[in-house]
């Protein structure tokens, strides 16, 4: 009986470690929709609803916030607007 309870405790501890370790990847940041820019507030939180960097900057003006664009360029969005390679 003592062996079963020790095994159960060990299993609960192992599952807790896995569960809490998996939540760290969720803090990677927001998923940015194609063709959008994001506003990050100093108090926390983001808003990725802006369709241009200038629109984001105008909203951030006077606030404790900072705009950023997606890390990877969205080629389809650039081609659609006629700014892609070969244009």
N, C-alpha and C. Protein backbone atom coordinates (compact mmCIF):
# COMPACT_ATOMS: atom_id res chain seq x y z
N UNK A 1 0.83 -1.20 0.00
CA UNK A 1 0.00 0.00 0.00
C UNK A 1 0.87 1.26 0.00
N UNK A 2 1.95 1.21 0.76
CA UNK A 2 2.84 2.36 0.83
C UNK A 2 3.51 2.60 -0.52
N UNK A 3 3.82 1.53 -1.24
CA UNK A 3 4.46 1.64 -2.55
C UNK A 3 3.52 2.28 -3.56
N UNK A 4 2.23 1.95 -3.50
CA UNK A 4 1.25 2.52 -4.42
C UNK A 4 1.11 4.02 -4.18
N UNK A 5 1.04 4.45 -2.92
CA UNK A 5 0.90 5.88 -2.64
C UNK A 5 2.16 6.66 -3.03
N UNK A 6 3.33 6.07 -2.85
CA UNK A 6 4.57 6.74 -3.26
C UNK A 6 4.62 6.87 -4.78
N UNK A 7 4.15 5.87 -5.49
CA UNK A 7 4.11 5.91 -6.96
C UNK A 7 3.11 6.97 -7.42
N UNK A 8 1.99 7.04 -6.75
CA UNK A 8 0.98 8.04 -7.11
C UNK A 8 1.50 9.45 -6.88
N UNK A 9 2.18 9.67 -5.78
CA UNK A 9 2.75 11.00 -5.48
C UNK A 9 3.80 11.36 -6.53
N UNK A 10 4.64 10.41 -6.88
CA UNK A 10 5.67 10.65 -7.89
C UNK A 10 5.04 10.98 -9.24
N UNK A 11 3.95 10.31 -9.59
CA UNK A 11 3.27 10.57 -10.85
C UNK A 11 2.65 11.96 -10.86
N UNK A 12 2.05 12.36 -9.75
CA UNK A 12 1.45 13.70 -9.66
C UNK A 12 2.52 14.78 -9.78
N UNK A 13 3.65 14.59 -9.14
CA UNK A 13 4.75 15.56 -9.23
C UNK A 13 5.27 15.63 -10.67
N UNK A 14 5.45 14.50 -11.32
CA UNK A 14 5.94 14.49 -12.70
C UNK A 14 4.97 15.18 -13.64
N UNK A 15 3.68 14.91 -13.49
CA UNK A 15 2.68 15.56 -14.34
C UNK A 15 2.61 17.06 -14.09
N UNK A 16 2.80 17.49 -12.85
CA UNK A 16 2.81 18.92 -12.53
C UNK A 16 3.98 19.62 -13.20
N UNK A 17 5.13 18.98 -13.18
CA UNK A 17 6.31 19.57 -13.82
C UNK A 17 6.09 19.72 -15.31
N UNK A 18 5.53 18.70 -15.93
CA UNK A 18 5.25 18.76 -17.37
C UNK A 18 4.22 19.84 -17.67
N UNK A 19 3.17 19.92 -16.87
CA UNK A 19 2.11 20.90 -17.11
C UNK A 19 2.62 22.33 -16.96
N UNK A 20 3.40 22.60 -15.93
CA UNK A 20 3.91 23.96 -15.73
C UNK A 20 5.00 24.28 -16.74
N UNK A 21 5.75 23.30 -17.18
CA UNK A 21 6.76 23.53 -18.20
C UNK A 21 6.14 23.85 -19.54
N UNK A 22 4.98 23.28 -19.84
CA UNK A 22 4.31 23.52 -21.12
C UNK A 22 3.72 24.91 -21.20
N UNK A 23 3.41 25.54 -20.07
CA UNK A 23 2.82 26.88 -20.10
C UNK A 23 3.83 27.95 -20.46
N UNK A 24 5.10 27.68 -20.36
CA UNK A 24 6.12 28.67 -20.71
C UNK A 24 6.09 29.01 -22.19
N UNK A 25 5.76 28.06 -23.06
CA UNK A 25 5.72 28.35 -24.49
C UNK A 25 4.56 29.26 -24.85
N UNK A 26 3.54 29.32 -24.02
CA UNK A 26 2.41 30.19 -24.29
C UNK A 26 2.75 31.66 -24.11
N UNK A 27 3.86 31.98 -23.48
CA UNK A 27 4.25 33.36 -23.26
C UNK A 27 5.13 33.90 -24.39
N UNK A 28 5.12 33.24 -25.54
CA UNK A 28 5.97 33.64 -26.65
C UNK A 28 5.50 34.94 -27.29
N UNK A 29 4.27 35.33 -27.11
CA UNK A 29 3.75 36.55 -27.69
C UNK A 29 2.52 36.28 -28.53
N UNK A 30 1.90 37.36 -28.99
CA UNK A 30 0.67 37.19 -29.75
C UNK A 30 0.94 36.67 -31.15
N UNK A 31 -0.04 36.03 -31.73
CA UNK A 31 0.03 35.64 -33.12
C UNK A 31 -0.48 36.83 -33.92
N UNK A 32 0.38 37.35 -34.79
CA UNK A 32 0.05 38.55 -35.55
C UNK A 32 -0.62 38.14 -36.86
N UNK A 33 -1.83 38.65 -37.11
CA UNK A 33 -2.49 38.34 -38.38
C UNK A 33 -1.68 38.90 -39.55
N UNK A 34 -1.74 38.27 -40.72
CA UNK A 34 -1.00 38.76 -41.88
C UNK A 34 -1.37 40.21 -42.21
N UNK A 35 -0.36 41.03 -42.44
CA UNK A 35 -0.58 42.41 -42.82
C UNK A 35 -0.93 43.34 -41.68
N UNK A 36 -0.72 42.94 -40.44
CA UNK A 36 -1.06 43.77 -39.29
C UNK A 36 0.19 44.14 -38.49
N UNK A 37 0.09 45.24 -37.78
CA UNK A 37 1.13 45.68 -36.85
C UNK A 37 0.54 45.69 -35.45
N UNK A 38 1.42 45.60 -34.45
CA UNK A 38 0.95 45.47 -33.07
C UNK A 38 1.37 46.65 -32.21
N UNK A 39 0.58 46.92 -31.21
CA UNK A 39 0.85 47.93 -30.20
C UNK A 39 0.98 47.19 -28.87
N UNK A 40 2.11 47.39 -28.20
CA UNK A 40 2.34 46.75 -26.90
C UNK A 40 2.31 47.82 -25.83
N UNK A 41 1.41 47.68 -24.88
CA UNK A 41 1.25 48.64 -23.80
C UNK A 41 2.27 48.36 -22.69
N UNK A 42 2.80 49.42 -22.08
CA UNK A 42 3.80 49.27 -21.02
C UNK A 42 3.22 48.56 -19.81
N UNK A 43 1.93 48.74 -19.55
CA UNK A 43 1.28 48.09 -18.40
C UNK A 43 0.98 46.62 -18.68
N UNK A 44 1.18 46.21 -19.92
CA UNK A 44 0.88 44.83 -20.32
C UNK A 44 -0.24 44.81 -21.32
N UNK A 45 -0.22 43.84 -22.18
CA UNK A 45 -1.26 43.68 -23.19
C UNK A 45 -0.80 44.16 -24.55
N UNK A 46 -1.40 43.60 -25.57
CA UNK A 46 -1.09 43.96 -26.94
C UNK A 46 -2.37 44.12 -27.74
N UNK A 47 -2.24 44.87 -28.84
CA UNK A 47 -3.35 45.06 -29.78
C UNK A 47 -2.78 44.92 -31.18
N UNK A 48 -3.12 43.87 -31.89
CA UNK A 48 -2.59 43.61 -33.23
C UNK A 48 -3.64 43.85 -34.30
N UNK A 49 -4.47 44.86 -34.12
CA UNK A 49 -5.55 45.12 -35.06
C UNK A 49 -5.21 46.20 -36.08
N UNK A 50 -4.00 46.74 -36.06
CA UNK A 50 -3.65 47.85 -36.94
C UNK A 50 -3.21 47.34 -38.30
N UNK A 51 -3.74 47.95 -39.34
CA UNK A 51 -3.41 47.52 -40.70
C UNK A 51 -2.22 48.28 -41.28
N UNK A 52 -1.70 49.26 -40.56
CA UNK A 52 -0.48 49.95 -40.99
C UNK A 52 0.32 50.37 -39.75
N UNK A 53 1.62 50.52 -39.95
CA UNK A 53 2.49 50.94 -38.86
C UNK A 53 2.16 52.38 -38.46
N UNK A 54 1.82 53.22 -39.44
CA UNK A 54 1.48 54.62 -39.15
C UNK A 54 0.22 54.70 -38.28
N UNK A 55 -0.75 53.85 -38.55
CA UNK A 55 -1.97 53.82 -37.75
C UNK A 55 -1.65 53.43 -36.31
N UNK A 56 -0.75 52.48 -36.14
CA UNK A 56 -0.33 52.06 -34.80
C UNK A 56 0.39 53.19 -34.08
N UNK A 57 1.31 53.85 -34.78
CA UNK A 57 2.06 54.96 -34.18
C UNK A 57 1.13 56.09 -33.76
N UNK A 58 0.12 56.38 -34.56
CA UNK A 58 -0.82 57.44 -34.21
C UNK A 58 -1.59 57.09 -32.94
N UNK A 59 -1.95 55.84 -32.79
CA UNK A 59 -2.66 55.41 -31.59
C UNK A 59 -1.74 55.42 -30.37
N UNK A 60 -0.48 55.07 -30.56
CA UNK A 60 0.48 55.01 -29.45
C UNK A 60 0.92 56.39 -28.99
N UNK A 61 0.72 57.41 -29.81
CA UNK A 61 1.16 58.76 -29.48
C UNK A 61 0.55 59.23 -28.15
N UNK A 62 1.41 59.57 -27.22
CA UNK A 62 0.98 60.06 -25.92
C UNK A 62 0.69 58.97 -24.91
N UNK A 63 0.79 57.72 -25.32
CA UNK A 63 0.56 56.60 -24.41
C UNK A 63 1.90 55.94 -24.07
N UNK A 64 1.91 55.20 -23.01
CA UNK A 64 3.08 54.40 -22.67
C UNK A 64 2.96 53.09 -23.44
N UNK A 65 3.25 53.17 -24.74
CA UNK A 65 3.10 52.02 -25.62
C UNK A 65 4.11 52.08 -26.74
N UNK A 66 4.32 50.93 -27.37
CA UNK A 66 5.31 50.83 -28.46
C UNK A 66 4.75 49.94 -29.56
N UNK A 67 4.97 50.34 -30.81
CA UNK A 67 4.51 49.57 -31.96
C UNK A 67 5.61 48.64 -32.44
N UNK A 68 5.21 47.52 -33.00
CA UNK A 68 6.15 46.63 -33.65
C UNK A 68 5.46 45.89 -34.78
N UNK A 69 6.25 45.55 -35.77
CA UNK A 69 5.75 44.82 -36.93
C UNK A 69 6.06 43.34 -36.74
N UNK A 70 5.42 42.47 -37.50
CA UNK A 70 5.74 41.04 -37.40
C UNK A 70 7.21 40.79 -37.70
N UNK A 71 7.79 39.80 -37.06
CA UNK A 71 9.21 39.51 -37.24
C UNK A 71 9.50 38.97 -38.64
N UNK A 72 8.57 38.24 -39.21
CA UNK A 72 8.75 37.68 -40.55
C UNK A 72 7.85 38.44 -41.51
N UNK A 73 8.45 38.90 -42.60
CA UNK A 73 7.67 39.66 -43.58
C UNK A 73 6.64 38.76 -44.23
N UNK A 74 5.46 39.25 -44.37
CA UNK A 74 4.37 38.52 -45.00
C UNK A 74 4.44 38.77 -46.50
N UNK A 75 5.05 37.85 -47.25
CA UNK A 75 5.25 38.03 -48.69
C UNK A 75 3.94 38.16 -49.46
N UNK A 76 2.94 37.39 -49.09
CA UNK A 76 1.66 37.48 -49.78
C UNK A 76 1.07 38.88 -49.65
N UNK A 77 1.14 39.45 -48.47
CA UNK A 77 0.61 40.79 -48.25
C UNK A 77 1.37 41.80 -49.10
N UNK A 78 2.69 41.67 -49.16
CA UNK A 78 3.51 42.60 -49.94
C UNK A 78 3.20 42.46 -51.43
N UNK A 79 3.05 41.23 -51.92
CA UNK A 79 2.74 41.02 -53.34
C UNK A 79 1.38 41.59 -53.68
N UNK A 80 0.42 41.40 -52.78
CA UNK A 80 -0.94 41.89 -53.02
C UNK A 80 -0.95 43.40 -53.17
N UNK A 81 -0.11 44.09 -52.42
CA UNK A 81 -0.07 45.55 -52.49
C UNK A 81 0.85 46.05 -53.58
N UNK A 82 1.45 45.14 -54.35
CA UNK A 82 2.31 45.55 -55.45
C UNK A 82 3.69 45.97 -55.03
N UNK A 83 4.13 45.55 -53.82
CA UNK A 83 5.44 45.93 -53.34
C UNK A 83 6.39 44.74 -53.30
N UNK A 84 6.00 43.63 -53.82
CA UNK A 84 6.80 42.42 -53.74
C UNK A 84 7.99 42.43 -54.67
N UNK A 85 8.71 41.33 -54.68
CA UNK A 85 9.89 41.17 -55.51
C UNK A 85 9.49 41.24 -56.98
N UNK A 86 10.28 41.97 -57.76
CA UNK A 86 10.01 42.08 -59.18
C UNK A 86 8.98 43.14 -59.54
N UNK A 87 8.54 43.89 -58.59
CA UNK A 87 7.55 44.94 -58.85
C UNK A 87 8.22 46.28 -59.00
